[in-house]
């Protein structure tokens, strides 16, 4: 009888341990599935971030090139303004400067009228002073 009770206790303990083990295995499998999903999501996020970084690097390169071009144009214009002293030229030959400015202004207004859909007016002949 004692043997039967001992056998019953061993079988019961084995059954309880088996049930506990199965529950642990199931919980660990669920945790593993969650972690696998999280890792896949992180890999996808990293790939997207790499793609965005590549796009930003390309945009940054383009912007840097445009900045360099603008800086070169600015330096060129500054050099031109330093070599062309309009005040000095106007004091030497004011009529010539006035004609050039009037011609440039008329051209700019003609271009503006053309761009806005109007018909440019013919330039007025220069008037003698």
N, C-alpha and C. Protein backbone atom coordinates (compact mmCIF):
# COMPACT_ATOMS: atom_id res chain seq x y z
N UNK A 1 0.81 -1.18 0.00
CA UNK A 1 0.00 0.00 0.00
C UNK A 1 0.86 1.25 0.00
N UNK A 2 1.93 1.21 0.77
CA UNK A 2 2.82 2.35 0.81
C UNK A 2 3.44 2.54 -0.57
N UNK A 3 3.73 1.48 -1.20
CA UNK A 3 4.29 1.56 -2.55
C UNK A 3 3.28 2.21 -3.50
N UNK A 4 2.03 1.85 -3.33
CA UNK A 4 0.98 2.43 -4.16
C UNK A 4 0.87 3.93 -3.89
N UNK A 5 0.94 4.35 -2.65
CA UNK A 5 0.85 5.77 -2.30
C UNK A 5 2.08 6.50 -2.84
N UNK A 6 3.27 5.93 -2.71
CA UNK A 6 4.48 6.55 -3.22
C UNK A 6 4.41 6.68 -4.73
N UNK A 7 3.92 5.62 -5.39
CA UNK A 7 3.77 5.66 -6.84
C UNK A 7 2.76 6.75 -7.25
N UNK A 8 1.70 6.85 -6.49
CA UNK A 8 0.68 7.86 -6.76
C UNK A 8 1.28 9.27 -6.61
N UNK A 9 2.08 9.48 -5.59
CA UNK A 9 2.71 10.79 -5.34
C UNK A 9 3.69 11.11 -6.48
N UNK A 10 4.49 10.13 -6.89
CA UNK A 10 5.46 10.34 -7.96
C UNK A 10 4.74 10.66 -9.27
N UNK A 11 3.68 9.90 -9.59
CA UNK A 11 2.92 10.15 -10.82
C UNK A 11 2.26 11.51 -10.76
N UNK A 12 1.69 11.88 -9.62
CA UNK A 12 1.05 13.19 -9.46
C UNK A 12 2.05 14.32 -9.61
N UNK A 13 3.22 14.16 -8.97
CA UNK A 13 4.26 15.18 -9.07
C UNK A 13 4.76 15.29 -10.51
N UNK A 14 4.91 14.14 -11.17
CA UNK A 14 5.36 14.16 -12.57
C UNK A 14 4.33 14.86 -13.44
N UNK A 15 3.05 14.59 -13.21
CA UNK A 15 1.99 15.25 -13.98
C UNK A 15 1.98 16.75 -13.75
N UNK A 16 2.15 17.17 -12.48
CA UNK A 16 2.17 18.60 -12.17
C UNK A 16 3.38 19.26 -12.82
N UNK A 17 4.53 18.57 -12.76
CA UNK A 17 5.73 19.12 -13.39
C UNK A 17 5.57 19.20 -14.91
N UNK A 18 4.94 18.20 -15.50
CA UNK A 18 4.71 18.21 -16.94
C UNK A 18 3.81 19.37 -17.34
N UNK A 19 2.74 19.57 -16.56
CA UNK A 19 1.82 20.68 -16.85
C UNK A 19 2.53 22.02 -16.69
N UNK A 20 3.33 22.15 -15.63
CA UNK A 20 4.09 23.38 -15.39
C UNK A 20 5.06 23.63 -16.55
N UNK A 21 5.75 22.57 -16.98
CA UNK A 21 6.71 22.69 -18.09
C UNK A 21 6.03 23.10 -19.37
N UNK A 22 4.88 22.54 -19.67
CA UNK A 22 4.15 22.89 -20.87
C UNK A 22 3.71 24.35 -20.84
N UNK A 23 3.26 24.82 -19.68
CA UNK A 23 2.86 26.23 -19.55
C UNK A 23 4.07 27.15 -19.75
N UNK A 24 5.20 26.77 -19.19
CA UNK A 24 6.42 27.57 -19.36
C UNK A 24 6.85 27.59 -20.83
N UNK A 25 6.80 26.44 -21.47
CA UNK A 25 7.17 26.35 -22.88
C UNK A 25 6.26 27.23 -23.73
N UNK A 26 4.97 27.20 -23.43
CA UNK A 26 4.02 28.01 -24.19
C UNK A 26 4.28 29.50 -23.95
N UNK A 27 4.54 29.89 -22.70
CA UNK A 27 4.80 31.30 -22.39
C UNK A 27 6.09 31.75 -23.07
N UNK A 28 7.11 30.91 -23.02
CA UNK A 28 8.38 31.27 -23.66
C UNK A 28 8.24 31.33 -25.18
N UNK A 29 7.42 30.45 -25.75
CA UNK A 29 7.19 30.50 -27.20
C UNK A 29 6.49 31.80 -27.59
N UNK A 30 5.53 32.24 -26.79
CA UNK A 30 4.84 33.50 -27.06
C UNK A 30 5.81 34.67 -26.94
N UNK A 31 6.66 34.65 -25.90
CA UNK A 31 7.65 35.71 -25.74
C UNK A 31 8.63 35.72 -26.91
N UNK A 32 9.03 34.52 -27.35
CA UNK A 32 9.94 34.42 -28.49
C UNK A 32 9.30 35.00 -29.75
N UNK A 33 8.02 34.72 -29.96
CA UNK A 33 7.31 35.26 -31.13
C UNK A 33 7.24 36.78 -31.06
N UNK A 34 6.99 37.32 -29.88
CA UNK A 34 6.94 38.77 -29.71
C UNK A 34 8.30 39.40 -29.99
N UNK A 35 9.35 38.77 -29.46
CA UNK A 35 10.69 39.30 -29.68
C UNK A 35 11.10 39.21 -31.15
N UNK A 36 10.73 38.12 -31.81
CA UNK A 36 11.03 37.97 -33.23
C UNK A 36 10.35 39.07 -34.04
N UNK A 37 9.09 39.34 -33.71
CA UNK A 37 8.35 40.41 -34.38
C UNK A 37 9.00 41.77 -34.12
N UNK A 38 9.43 41.99 -32.87
CA UNK A 38 10.08 43.27 -32.54
C UNK A 38 11.39 43.42 -33.31
N UNK A 39 12.15 42.35 -33.43
CA UNK A 39 13.42 42.41 -34.16
C UNK A 39 13.17 42.71 -35.63
N UNK A 40 12.17 42.07 -36.22
CA UNK A 40 11.85 42.33 -37.63
C UNK A 40 11.43 43.78 -37.83
N UNK A 41 10.63 44.30 -36.89
CA UNK A 41 10.20 45.69 -36.98
C UNK A 41 11.40 46.63 -36.86
N UNK A 42 12.32 46.34 -35.96
CA UNK A 42 13.51 47.17 -35.81
C UNK A 42 14.38 47.10 -37.06
N UNK A 43 14.53 45.94 -37.66
CA UNK A 43 15.31 45.83 -38.89
C UNK A 43 14.69 46.66 -40.00
N UNK A 44 13.36 46.58 -40.10
CA UNK A 44 12.66 47.36 -41.13
C UNK A 44 12.85 48.86 -40.87
N UNK A 45 12.76 49.26 -39.62
CA UNK A 45 12.95 50.67 -39.27
C UNK A 45 14.37 51.12 -39.59
N UNK A 46 15.34 50.28 -39.31
CA UNK A 46 16.73 50.63 -39.60
C UNK A 46 16.93 50.79 -41.11
N UNK A 47 16.35 49.91 -41.90
CA UNK A 47 16.47 50.03 -43.36
C UNK A 47 15.82 51.32 -43.86
N UNK A 48 14.66 51.66 -43.29
CA UNK A 48 14.00 52.90 -43.69
C UNK A 48 14.86 54.11 -43.31
N UNK A 49 15.47 54.04 -42.14
CA UNK A 49 16.32 55.14 -41.70
C UNK A 49 17.55 55.27 -42.60
N UNK A 50 18.11 54.15 -43.03
CA UNK A 50 19.24 54.20 -43.95
C UNK A 50 18.83 54.84 -45.28
N UNK A 51 17.65 54.48 -45.77
CA UNK A 51 17.17 55.06 -47.03
C UNK A 51 16.96 56.57 -46.87
N UNK A 52 16.35 56.97 -45.75
CA UNK A 52 16.15 58.40 -45.51
C UNK A 52 17.48 59.13 -45.38
N UNK A 53 18.44 58.49 -44.74
CA UNK A 53 19.76 59.10 -44.60
C UNK A 53 20.40 59.31 -45.96
N UNK A 54 20.27 58.31 -46.84
CA UNK A 54 20.83 58.44 -48.18
C UNK A 54 20.16 59.59 -48.93
N UNK A 55 18.84 59.71 -48.82
CA UNK A 55 18.14 60.82 -49.47
C UNK A 55 18.59 62.16 -48.91
N UNK A 56 18.72 62.23 -47.59
CA UNK A 56 19.15 63.48 -46.98
C UNK A 56 20.58 63.82 -47.36
N UNK A 57 21.44 62.82 -47.46
CA UNK A 57 22.81 63.08 -47.87
C UNK A 57 22.85 63.63 -49.30
N UNK A 58 22.03 63.06 -50.18
CA UNK A 58 21.95 63.56 -51.55
C UNK A 58 21.43 64.99 -51.59
N UNK A 59 20.40 65.26 -50.80
CA UNK A 59 19.84 66.61 -50.76
C UNK A 59 20.87 67.59 -50.19
N UNK A 60 21.60 67.15 -49.19
CA UNK A 60 22.61 68.01 -48.58
C UNK A 60 23.72 68.32 -49.58
N UNK A 61 24.10 67.34 -50.38
CA UNK A 61 25.12 67.56 -51.41
C UNK A 61 24.63 68.57 -52.44
N UNK A 62 23.38 68.41 -52.86
CA UNK A 62 22.81 69.35 -53.83
C UNK A 62 22.75 70.77 -53.26
N UNK A 63 22.31 70.87 -52.00
CA UNK A 63 22.22 72.19 -51.37
C UNK A 63 23.61 72.82 -51.22
N UNK A 64 24.59 72.00 -50.87
CA UNK A 64 25.95 72.53 -50.74
C UNK A 64 26.47 73.04 -52.07
N UNK A 65 26.17 72.30 -53.15
CA UNK A 65 26.60 72.73 -54.49
C UNK A 65 25.92 74.04 -54.86
N UNK A 66 24.62 74.14 -54.58
CA UNK A 66 23.90 75.39 -54.88
C UNK A 66 24.45 76.55 -54.05
N UNK A 67 24.78 76.27 -52.79
CA UNK A 67 25.36 77.32 -51.95
C UNK A 67 26.70 77.77 -52.51
N UNK A 68 27.52 76.82 -52.92
CA UNK A 68 28.81 77.17 -53.51
C UNK A 68 28.64 77.99 -54.78
N UNK A 69 27.67 77.60 -55.62
CA UNK A 69 27.40 78.36 -56.84
C UNK A 69 26.93 79.78 -56.51
N UNK A 70 26.05 79.89 -55.53
CA UNK A 70 25.54 81.21 -55.14
C UNK A 70 26.66 82.07 -54.57
N UNK A 71 27.52 81.45 -53.79
CA UNK A 71 28.64 82.20 -53.22
C UNK A 71 29.57 82.68 -54.32
N UNK A 72 29.82 81.84 -55.30
CA UNK A 72 30.66 82.24 -56.43
C UNK A 72 30.03 83.40 -57.20
N UNK A 73 28.72 83.31 -57.42
CA UNK A 73 28.02 84.39 -58.13
C UNK A 73 28.08 85.68 -57.31
N UNK A 74 27.93 85.55 -56.00
CA UNK A 74 27.99 86.73 -55.14
C UNK A 74 29.37 87.37 -55.20
N UNK A 75 30.40 86.56 -55.11
CA UNK A 75 31.78 87.08 -55.18
C UNK A 75 32.01 87.76 -56.53
N UNK A 76 31.49 87.15 -57.60
CA UNK A 76 31.66 87.72 -58.94
C UNK A 76 30.96 89.08 -59.03
N UNK A 77 29.73 89.16 -58.49
CA UNK A 77 29.02 90.44 -58.52
C UNK A 77 29.72 91.49 -57.67
N UNK A 78 30.22 91.09 -56.53
CA UNK A 78 30.94 92.05 -55.69
C UNK A 78 32.18 92.58 -56.40
N UNK A 79 32.87 91.68 -57.10
CA UNK A 79 34.05 92.10 -57.85
C UNK A 79 33.66 93.10 -58.94
N UNK A 80 32.54 92.80 -59.64
CA UNK A 80 32.09 93.70 -60.70
C UNK A 80 31.71 95.07 -60.14
N UNK A 81 31.01 95.08 -59.01
CA UNK A 81 30.62 96.36 -58.42
C UNK A 81 31.82 97.14 -57.93
N UNK A 82 32.85 96.45 -57.50
CA UNK A 82 34.04 97.14 -57.03
C UNK A 82 34.82 97.75 -58.20
N UNK A 83 34.81 97.07 -59.35
CA UNK A 83 35.56 97.59 -60.51
C UNK A 83 34.77 98.65 -61.26
N UNK A 84 33.45 98.64 -61.19
CA UNK A 84 32.63 99.62 -61.90
C UNK A 84 32.10 100.64 -60.89
N UNK A 85 32.69 101.79 -60.87
CA UNK A 85 32.27 102.84 -59.97
C UNK A 85 31.28 103.73 -60.72
N UNK A 86 29.98 103.49 -60.48
CA UNK A 86 28.95 104.25 -61.20
C UNK A 86 28.96 105.73 -60.82
N UNK A 87 29.28 106.02 -59.59
CA UNK A 87 29.34 107.44 -59.17
C UNK A 87 30.39 108.20 -59.94
N UNK A 88 31.55 107.60 -60.08
CA UNK A 88 32.65 108.23 -60.82
C UNK A 88 32.29 108.35 -62.30
N UNK A 89 31.71 107.26 -62.87
CA UNK A 89 31.32 107.30 -64.28
C UNK A 89 30.23 108.34 -64.52
N UNK A 90 29.30 108.47 -63.58
CA UNK A 90 28.23 109.45 -63.73
C UNK A 90 28.76 110.87 -63.65
N UNK A 91 29.77 111.10 -62.86
CA UNK A 91 30.32 112.46 -62.78
C UNK A 91 31.13 112.81 -64.04
N UNK A 92 31.72 111.79 -64.67
CA UNK A 92 32.49 112.04 -65.90
C UNK A 92 31.55 112.23 -67.09
N UNK A 93 30.58 111.34 -67.27
CA UNK A 93 29.69 111.38 -68.42
C UNK A 93 28.26 111.04 -67.96
N UNK A 94 27.55 112.02 -67.38
CA UNK A 94 26.23 111.73 -66.82
C UNK A 94 25.18 111.34 -67.87
N UNK A 95 25.27 111.89 -69.08
CA UNK A 95 24.28 111.57 -70.11
C UNK A 95 24.35 110.10 -70.52
N UNK A 96 25.55 109.57 -70.64
CA UNK A 96 25.71 108.17 -71.03
C UNK A 96 25.13 107.24 -69.96
N UNK A 97 25.39 107.54 -68.70
CA UNK A 97 24.86 106.71 -67.61
C UNK A 97 23.34 106.80 -67.57
N UNK A 98 22.81 107.99 -67.77
CA UNK A 98 21.36 108.16 -67.77
C UNK A 98 20.73 107.35 -68.90
N UNK A 99 21.31 107.38 -70.08
CA UNK A 99 20.77 106.62 -71.21
C UNK A 99 20.81 105.12 -70.92
N UNK A 100 21.90 104.65 -70.36
CA UNK A 100 22.01 103.22 -70.05
C UNK A 100 20.96 102.80 -69.01
N UNK A 101 20.79 103.61 -67.98
CA UNK A 101 19.81 103.29 -66.94
C UNK A 101 18.40 103.32 -67.51
N UNK A 102 18.09 104.35 -68.33
CA UNK A 102 16.75 104.43 -68.93
C UNK A 102 16.50 103.25 -69.86
N UNK A 103 17.50 102.86 -70.64
CA UNK A 103 17.36 101.72 -71.55
C UNK A 103 17.13 100.42 -70.76
N UNK A 104 17.90 100.23 -69.70
CA UNK A 104 17.73 99.04 -68.86
C UNK A 104 16.38 99.00 -68.17
N UNK A 105 15.92 100.16 -67.71
CA UNK A 105 14.61 100.24 -67.06
C UNK A 105 13.50 99.92 -68.05
N UNK A 106 13.59 100.48 -69.26
CA UNK A 106 12.58 100.21 -70.29
C UNK A 106 12.58 98.72 -70.66
N UNK A 107 13.75 98.14 -70.74
CA UNK A 107 13.85 96.71 -71.06
C UNK A 107 13.22 95.86 -69.95
N UNK A 108 13.50 96.21 -68.71
CA UNK A 108 12.95 95.45 -67.58
C UNK A 108 11.42 95.56 -67.56
N UNK A 109 10.90 96.76 -67.76
CA UNK A 109 9.44 96.92 -67.79
C UNK A 109 8.82 96.19 -68.98
N UNK A 110 9.50 96.20 -70.12
CA UNK A 110 9.00 95.45 -71.29
C UNK A 110 8.95 93.96 -71.00
N UNK A 111 9.99 93.45 -70.36
CA UNK A 111 10.00 92.03 -69.98
C UNK A 111 8.88 91.72 -69.00
N UNK A 112 8.66 92.61 -68.05
CA UNK A 112 7.60 92.42 -67.06
C UNK A 112 6.23 92.41 -67.74
N UNK A 113 6.02 93.31 -68.67
CA UNK A 113 4.74 93.33 -69.39
C UNK A 113 4.56 92.06 -70.22
N UNK A 114 5.62 91.58 -70.83
CA UNK A 114 5.54 90.35 -71.62
C UNK A 114 5.21 89.16 -70.72
N UNK A 115 5.86 89.10 -69.56
CA UNK A 115 5.62 87.99 -68.63
C UNK A 115 4.21 87.99 -68.06
N UNK A 116 3.62 89.17 -67.91
CA UNK A 116 2.28 89.25 -67.33
C UNK A 116 1.19 89.21 -68.38
N UNK A 117 1.56 88.98 -69.63
CA UNK A 117 0.56 88.80 -70.68
C UNK A 117 0.24 90.05 -71.46
N UNK A 118 0.86 91.15 -71.18
CA UNK A 118 0.60 92.38 -71.92
C UNK A 118 1.51 92.49 -73.12
N UNK A 119 1.28 93.50 -73.90
CA UNK A 119 2.16 93.75 -75.05
C UNK A 119 3.05 94.93 -74.68
N UNK A 120 4.35 94.75 -74.80
CA UNK A 120 5.25 95.84 -74.41
C UNK A 120 5.11 97.04 -75.33
N UNK A 121 5.23 98.18 -74.73
CA UNK A 121 5.17 99.42 -75.51
C UNK A 121 6.52 99.66 -76.16
N UNK A 122 6.51 100.20 -77.35
CA UNK A 122 7.81 100.47 -77.99
C UNK A 122 8.55 101.53 -77.20
N UNK A 123 9.89 101.41 -77.16
CA UNK A 123 10.65 102.41 -76.38
C UNK A 123 10.56 103.78 -77.03
N UNK A 124 10.55 104.79 -76.18
CA UNK A 124 10.52 106.17 -76.68
C UNK A 124 11.91 106.53 -77.16
N UNK A 125 11.96 107.31 -78.24
CA UNK A 125 13.29 107.74 -78.72
C UNK A 125 13.92 108.64 -77.68
N UNK A 126 15.25 108.59 -77.55
CA UNK A 126 15.92 109.44 -76.57
C UNK A 126 15.71 110.91 -76.89
N UNK A 127 15.50 111.67 -75.85
CA UNK A 127 15.30 113.11 -76.02
C UNK A 127 16.61 113.84 -75.79
N UNK A 128 16.83 114.82 -76.56
CA UNK A 128 18.04 115.62 -76.41
C UNK A 128 17.91 116.49 -75.19
N UNK A 129 18.98 116.67 -74.44
CA UNK A 129 18.92 117.53 -73.24
C UNK A 129 18.83 118.98 -73.52
